[in-house]
Amino acid sequence: MLFHRLEHEDRELFLRCVLAETAPAGSRLIWQLLTHVGGVPATVALALVPLALAEGQLKVAAVQAAWALTISHLVVQVIKRNVERIRPHEAARRSAFVEIPDRFSFPSGHSAAVMSVAFIHAATFHSLAVPMLVLAGLVGFSRVRLGAHYPGDVLVGQLIAIATGVAVRALW
């Protein structure tokens, strides 16, 4: 019963947050640009560019971010392949306003990826914590807004990233 109730609430929240079919093109473009910050090219670059160019604490954070990104990605993929939750745009018969990277929705890989990098940098450089975590949160919300994920997918993806980041830092 609890899982059915959570599923229902997740779908209802999705329907309240997703962009309408009539949303202005400019609004869709902003959310689409933001969502790409959580994609593979951007998150790998956010983790590896400082690794190649930095020294000291930034280099350590870059190594930790690369590990957190890799581990969280693997965890997300294992869960996705076992849970096989249908994407919300398919279940609700709505358009998705972004390219869908795979068939399964739970958990959100984009949300996990950007949060894993943001969490490591936020934990290392406290002055960047708020902007980094806000950016990661907005990327997660963009996945719902564009019809790619349910809010619960995003939340669990972000929790996986945080847990992975905590583990990587603890083992360092």
C-alpha atoms as a PDB file:
ATOM      1  CA  MET A   1       0.000   0.000   0.000  1.00  0.00           C
ATOM      2  CA  LEU A   2       2.771   2.446   0.885  1.00  0.00           C
ATOM      3  CA  PHE A   3       4.501   2.006  -2.481  1.00  0.00           C
ATOM      4  CA  HIS A   4       1.225   2.492  -4.366  1.00  0.00           C
ATOM      5  CA  ARG A   5       0.540   5.674  -2.402  1.00  0.00           C
ATOM      6  CA  LEU A   6       4.068   6.998  -3.069  1.00  0.00           C
ATOM      7  CA  GLU A   7       3.732   6.142  -6.766  1.00  0.00           C
ATOM      8  CA  HIS A   8       0.420   8.001  -6.948  1.00  0.00           C
ATOM      9  CA  GLU A   9       1.820  11.075  -5.179  1.00  0.00           C
ATOM     10  CA  ASP A  10       4.904  11.036  -7.421  1.00  0.00           C
ATOM     11  CA  ARG A  11       2.711  10.990 -10.550  1.00  0.00           C
ATOM     12  CA  GLU A  12       0.499  13.783  -9.243  1.00  0.00           C
ATOM     13  CA  LEU A  13       3.509  15.958  -8.416  1.00  0.00           C
ATOM     14  CA  PHE A  14       4.977  15.246 -11.842  1.00  0.00           C
ATOM     15  CA  LEU A  15       1.769  16.415 -13.535  1.00  0.00           C
ATOM     16  CA  ARG A  16       1.867  19.668 -11.540  1.00  0.00           C
ATOM     17  CA  CYS A  17       5.526  20.351 -12.412  1.00  0.00           C
ATOM     18  CA  VAL A  18       5.915  19.257 -16.045  1.00  0.00           C
ATOM     19  CA  LEU A  19       5.854  21.945 -18.731  1.00  0.00           C
ATOM     20  CA  ALA A  20       2.589  22.287 -20.601  1.00  0.00           C
ATOM     21  CA  GLU A  21       2.506  21.447 -24.298  1.00  0.00           C
ATOM     22  CA  THR A  22       1.845  25.145 -24.887  1.00  0.00           C
ATOM     23  CA  ALA A  23       4.863  26.355 -22.887  1.00  0.00           C
ATOM     24  CA  PRO A  24       6.792  29.142 -24.614  1.00  0.00           C
ATOM     25  CA  ALA A  25       9.807  27.997 -26.636  1.00  0.00           C
ATOM     26  CA  GLY A  26      12.077  30.276 -24.588  1.00  0.00           C
ATOM     27  CA  SER A  27      11.048  28.588 -21.364  1.00  0.00           C
ATOM     28  CA  ARG A  28      11.661  25.148 -22.841  1.00  0.00           C
ATOM     29  CA  LEU A  29      15.094  26.268 -24.097  1.00  0.00           C
ATOM     30  CA  ILE A  30      16.192  27.520 -20.666  1.00  0.00           C
ATOM     31  CA  TRP A  31      15.190  24.244 -19.003  1.00  0.00           C
ATOM     32  CA  GLN A  32      16.849  22.246 -21.799  1.00  0.00           C
ATOM     33  CA  LEU A  33      20.129  24.142 -21.442  1.00  0.00           C
ATOM     34  CA  LEU A  34      20.029  23.653 -17.691  1.00  0.00           C
ATOM     35  CA  THR A  35      19.299  19.927 -17.955  1.00  0.00           C
ATOM     36  CA  HIS A  36      22.427  19.382 -20.071  1.00  0.00           C
ATOM     37  CA  VAL A  37      24.585  20.426 -17.090  1.00  0.00           C
ATOM     38  CA  GLY A  38      23.678  16.995 -15.674  1.00  0.00           C
ATOM     39  CA  GLY A  39      24.561  15.103 -18.843  1.00  0.00           C
ATOM     40  CA  VAL A  40      27.655  12.995 -19.366  1.00  0.00           C
ATOM     41  CA  PRO A  41      29.761  15.567 -21.275  1.00  0.00           C
ATOM     42  CA  ALA A  42      29.189  18.352 -18.744  1.00  0.00           C
ATOM     43  CA  THR A  43      29.601  16.284 -15.575  1.00  0.00           C
ATOM     44  CA  VAL A  44      32.699  14.508 -16.860  1.00  0.00           C
ATOM     45  CA  ALA A  45      34.162  17.894 -17.816  1.00  0.00           C
ATOM     46  CA  LEU A  46      33.273  19.342 -14.388  1.00  0.00           C
ATOM     47  CA  ALA A  47      35.106  16.443 -12.761  1.00  0.00           C
ATOM     48  CA  LEU A  48      38.078  16.033 -15.096  1.00  0.00           C
ATOM     49  CA  VAL A  49      39.025  19.566 -16.231  1.00  0.00           C
ATOM     50  CA  PRO A  50      40.098  20.562 -12.698  1.00  0.00           C
ATOM     51  CA  LEU A  51      41.893  17.220 -12.466  1.00  0.00           C
ATOM     52  CA  ALA A  52      44.014  18.075 -15.495  1.00  0.00           C
ATOM     53  CA  LEU A  53      44.591  21.750 -14.701  1.00  0.00           C
ATOM     54  CA  ALA A  54      44.562  22.124 -10.925  1.00  0.00           C
ATOM     55  CA  GLU A  55      46.900  21.583  -8.033  1.00  0.00           C
ATOM     56  CA  GLY A  56      46.407  21.060  -4.309  1.00  0.00           C
ATOM     57  CA  GLN A  57      42.941  20.921  -2.801  1.00  0.00           C
ATOM     58  CA  LEU A  58      41.159  21.458  -6.137  1.00  0.00           C
ATOM     59  CA  LYS A  59      42.990  18.483  -7.641  1.00  0.00           C
ATOM     60  CA  VAL A  60      42.014  16.290  -4.669  1.00  0.00           C
ATOM     61  CA  ALA A  61      38.384  17.420  -5.034  1.00  0.00           C
ATOM     62  CA  ALA A  62      38.530  16.639  -8.761  1.00  0.00           C
ATOM     63  CA  VAL A  63      39.767  13.092  -8.099  1.00  0.00           C
ATOM     64  CA  GLN A  64      37.054  12.594  -5.474  1.00  0.00           C
ATOM     65  CA  ALA A  65      34.418  14.018  -7.842  1.00  0.00           C
ATOM     66  CA  ALA A  66      35.529  11.655 -10.610  1.00  0.00           C
ATOM     67  CA  TRP A  67      35.249   8.685  -8.236  1.00  0.00           C
ATOM     68  CA  ALA A  68      31.858   9.823  -6.892  1.00  0.00           C
ATOM     69  CA  LEU A  69      30.585  10.391 -10.435  1.00  0.00           C
ATOM     70  CA  THR A  70      31.744   6.947 -11.593  1.00  0.00           C
ATOM     71  CA  ILE A  71      30.406   5.041  -8.597  1.00  0.00           C
ATOM     72  CA  SER A  72      27.060   6.862  -8.521  1.00  0.00           C
ATOM     73  CA  HIS A  73      26.645   6.218 -12.251  1.00  0.00           C
ATOM     74  CA  LEU A  74      27.213   2.501 -11.759  1.00  0.00           C
ATOM     75  CA  VAL A  75      24.749   2.364  -8.844  1.00  0.00           C
ATOM     76  CA  VAL A  76      22.115   4.251 -10.864  1.00  0.00           C
ATOM     77  CA  GLN A  77      22.501   1.913 -13.844  1.00  0.00           C
ATOM     78  CA  VAL A  78      22.186  -1.228 -11.716  1.00  0.00           C
ATOM     79  CA  ILE A  79      19.024   0.120 -10.079  1.00  0.00           C
ATOM     80  CA  LYS A  80      17.531   1.288 -13.407  1.00  0.00           C
ATOM     81  CA  ARG A  81      18.018  -2.146 -14.971  1.00  0.00           C
ATOM     82  CA  ASN A  82      16.388  -3.886 -12.014  1.00  0.00           C
ATOM     83  CA  VAL A  83      13.472  -1.550 -11.289  1.00  0.00           C
ATOM     84  CA  GLU A  84      12.593  -0.761 -14.939  1.00  0.00           C
ATOM     85  CA  ARG A  85      10.236   2.135 -14.132  1.00  0.00           C
ATOM     86  CA  ILE A  86       8.595   3.533 -17.260  1.00  0.00           C
ATOM     87  CA  ARG A  87       9.377   7.160 -18.065  1.00  0.00           C
ATOM     88  CA  PRO A  88       6.644   9.584 -16.978  1.00  0.00           C
ATOM     89  CA  HIS A  89       6.102  11.089 -20.420  1.00  0.00           C
ATOM     90  CA  GLU A  90       5.206   7.602 -21.676  1.00  0.00           C
ATOM     91  CA  ALA A  91       2.973   6.748 -18.720  1.00  0.00           C
ATOM     92  CA  ALA A  92       1.157  10.100 -18.907  1.00  0.00           C
ATOM     93  CA  ARG A  93       1.146  10.097 -22.738  1.00  0.00           C
ATOM     94  CA  ARG A  94       2.782  13.514 -22.890  1.00  0.00           C
ATOM     95  CA  SER A  95       5.658  14.935 -24.849  1.00  0.00           C
ATOM     96  CA  ALA A  96       9.117  15.016 -23.361  1.00  0.00           C
ATOM     97  CA  PHE A  97      10.886  18.268 -24.166  1.00  0.00           C
ATOM     98  CA  VAL A  98      14.359  16.709 -24.114  1.00  0.00           C
ATOM     99  CA  GLU A  99      16.039  13.691 -25.654  1.00  0.00           C
ATOM    100  CA  ILE A 100      15.491  10.670 -23.413  1.00  0.00           C
ATOM    101  CA  PRO A 101      18.786   8.805 -22.861  1.00  0.00           C
ATOM    102  CA  ASP A 102      17.317   5.386 -22.026  1.00  0.00           C
ATOM    103  CA  ARG A 103      14.004   3.606 -21.409  1.00  0.00           C
ATOM    104  CA  PHE A 104      13.988   3.645 -17.629  1.00  0.00           C
ATOM    105  CA  SER A 105      13.183   6.473 -15.268  1.00  0.00           C
ATOM    106  CA  PHE A 106      14.214   5.411 -11.762  1.00  0.00           C
ATOM    107  CA  PRO A 107      16.555   6.827 -10.526  1.00  0.00           C
ATOM    108  CA  SER A 108      17.600   9.931 -12.448  1.00  0.00           C
ATOM    109  CA  GLY A 109      21.122   9.597 -13.813  1.00  0.00           C
ATOM    110  CA  HIS A 110      21.412  13.306 -14.667  1.00  0.00           C
ATOM    111  CA  SER A 111      20.426  14.236 -11.111  1.00  0.00           C
ATOM    112  CA  ALA A 112      22.888  11.777  -9.616  1.00  0.00           C
ATOM    113  CA  ALA A 113      25.718  12.861 -11.909  1.00  0.00           C
ATOM    114  CA  VAL A 114      25.488  16.581 -11.284  1.00  0.00           C
ATOM    115  CA  MET A 115      24.866  16.142  -7.561  1.00  0.00           C
ATOM    116  CA  SER A 116      27.861  13.821  -7.155  1.00  0.00           C
ATOM    117  CA  VAL A 117      30.215  16.458  -8.592  1.00  0.00           C
ATOM    118  CA  ALA A 118      28.450  19.365  -6.844  1.00  0.00           C
ATOM    119  CA  PHE A 119      28.441  17.605  -3.469  1.00  0.00           C
ATOM    120  CA  ILE A 120      32.180  16.902  -3.533  1.00  0.00           C
ATOM    121  CA  HIS A 121      33.033  20.473  -4.506  1.00  0.00           C
ATOM    122  CA  ALA A 122      30.535  21.909  -2.009  1.00  0.00           C
ATOM    123  CA  ALA A 123      31.986  19.772   0.788  1.00  0.00           C
ATOM    124  CA  THR A 124      35.525  20.803  -0.124  1.00  0.00           C
ATOM    125  CA  PHE A 125      34.940  24.491  -0.857  1.00  0.00           C
ATOM    126  CA  HIS A 126      32.295  25.681   1.590  1.00  0.00           C
ATOM    127  CA  SER A 127      31.964  29.095  -0.060  1.00  0.00           C
ATOM    128  CA  LEU A 128      30.702  27.309  -3.201  1.00  0.00           C
ATOM    129  CA  ALA A 129      28.273  25.034  -1.353  1.00  0.00           C
ATOM    130  CA  VAL A 130      25.084  27.034  -1.884  1.00  0.00           C
ATOM    131  CA  PRO A 131      25.570  27.820  -5.594  1.00  0.00           C
ATOM    132  CA  MET A 132      26.749  24.282  -6.387  1.00  0.00           C
ATOM    133  CA  LEU A 133      23.881  22.584  -4.553  1.00  0.00           C
ATOM    134  CA  VAL A 134      21.294  25.017  -5.940  1.00  0.00           C
ATOM    135  CA  LEU A 135      22.570  24.327  -9.459  1.00  0.00           C
ATOM    136  CA  ALA A 136      22.364  20.564  -8.859  1.00  0.00           C
ATOM    137  CA  GLY A 137      18.835  20.964  -7.482  1.00  0.00           C
ATOM    138  CA  LEU A 138      17.758  22.993 -10.513  1.00  0.00           C
ATOM    139  CA  VAL A 139      19.194  20.421 -12.896  1.00  0.00           C
ATOM    140  CA  GLY A 140      17.181  17.767 -11.077  1.00  0.00           C
ATOM    141  CA  PHE A 141      14.025  19.870 -11.288  1.00  0.00           C
ATOM    142  CA  SER A 142      14.668  20.416 -15.006  1.00  0.00           C
ATOM    143  CA  ARG A 143      14.411  16.664 -15.519  1.00  0.00           C
ATOM    144  CA  VAL A 144      10.869  16.732 -14.090  1.00  0.00           C
ATOM    145  CA  ARG A 145       9.963  19.989 -15.824  1.00  0.00           C
ATOM    146  CA  LEU A 146      10.961  18.564 -19.211  1.00  0.00           C
ATOM    147  CA  GLY A 147       9.017  15.314 -18.716  1.00  0.00           C
ATOM    148  CA  ALA A 148      11.986  12.951 -18.369  1.00  0.00           C
ATOM    149  CA  HIS A 149      11.582  11.968 -14.697  1.00  0.00           C
ATOM    150  CA  TYR A 150       9.232  11.811 -11.763  1.00  0.00           C
ATOM    151  CA  PRO A 151      10.222  13.914  -8.733  1.00  0.00           C
ATOM    152  CA  GLY A 152      10.984  10.715  -6.783  1.00  0.00           C
ATOM    153  CA  ASP A 153      13.445   9.626  -9.483  1.00  0.00           C
ATOM    154  CA  VAL A 154      15.319  12.899  -9.043  1.00  0.00           C
ATOM    155  CA  LEU A 155      15.296  12.720  -5.253  1.00  0.00           C
ATOM    156  CA  VAL A 156      16.649   9.163  -5.176  1.00  0.00           C
ATOM    157  CA  GLY A 157      19.291   9.998  -7.794  1.00  0.00           C
ATOM    158  CA  GLN A 158      20.454  12.924  -5.674  1.00  0.00           C
ATOM    159  CA  LEU A 159      20.475  10.797  -2.500  1.00  0.00           C
ATOM    160  CA  ILE A 160      22.594   8.153  -4.263  1.00  0.00           C
ATOM    161  CA  ALA A 161      25.042  10.899  -5.264  1.00  0.00           C
ATOM    162  CA  ILE A 162      25.247  12.327  -1.751  1.00  0.00           C
ATOM    163  CA  ALA A 163      25.737   8.872  -0.211  1.00  0.00           C
ATOM    164  CA  THR A 164      28.435   8.117  -2.773  1.00  0.00           C
ATOM    165  CA  GLY A 165      30.116  11.470  -2.097  1.00  0.00           C
ATOM    166  CA  VAL A 166      30.069  10.863   1.651  1.00  0.00           C
ATOM    167  CA  ALA A 167      31.579   7.380   1.136  1.00  0.00           C
ATOM    168  CA  VAL A 168      34.312   8.644  -1.204  1.00  0.00           C
ATOM    169  CA  ARG A 169      35.284  11.425   1.185  1.00  0.00           C
ATOM    170  CA  ALA A 170      35.212   9.051   4.168  1.00  0.00           C
ATOM    171  CA  LEU A 171      37.520   6.592   2.420  1.00  0.00           C
ATOM    172  CA  TRP A 172      39.929   9.313   1.335  1.00  0.00           C
END
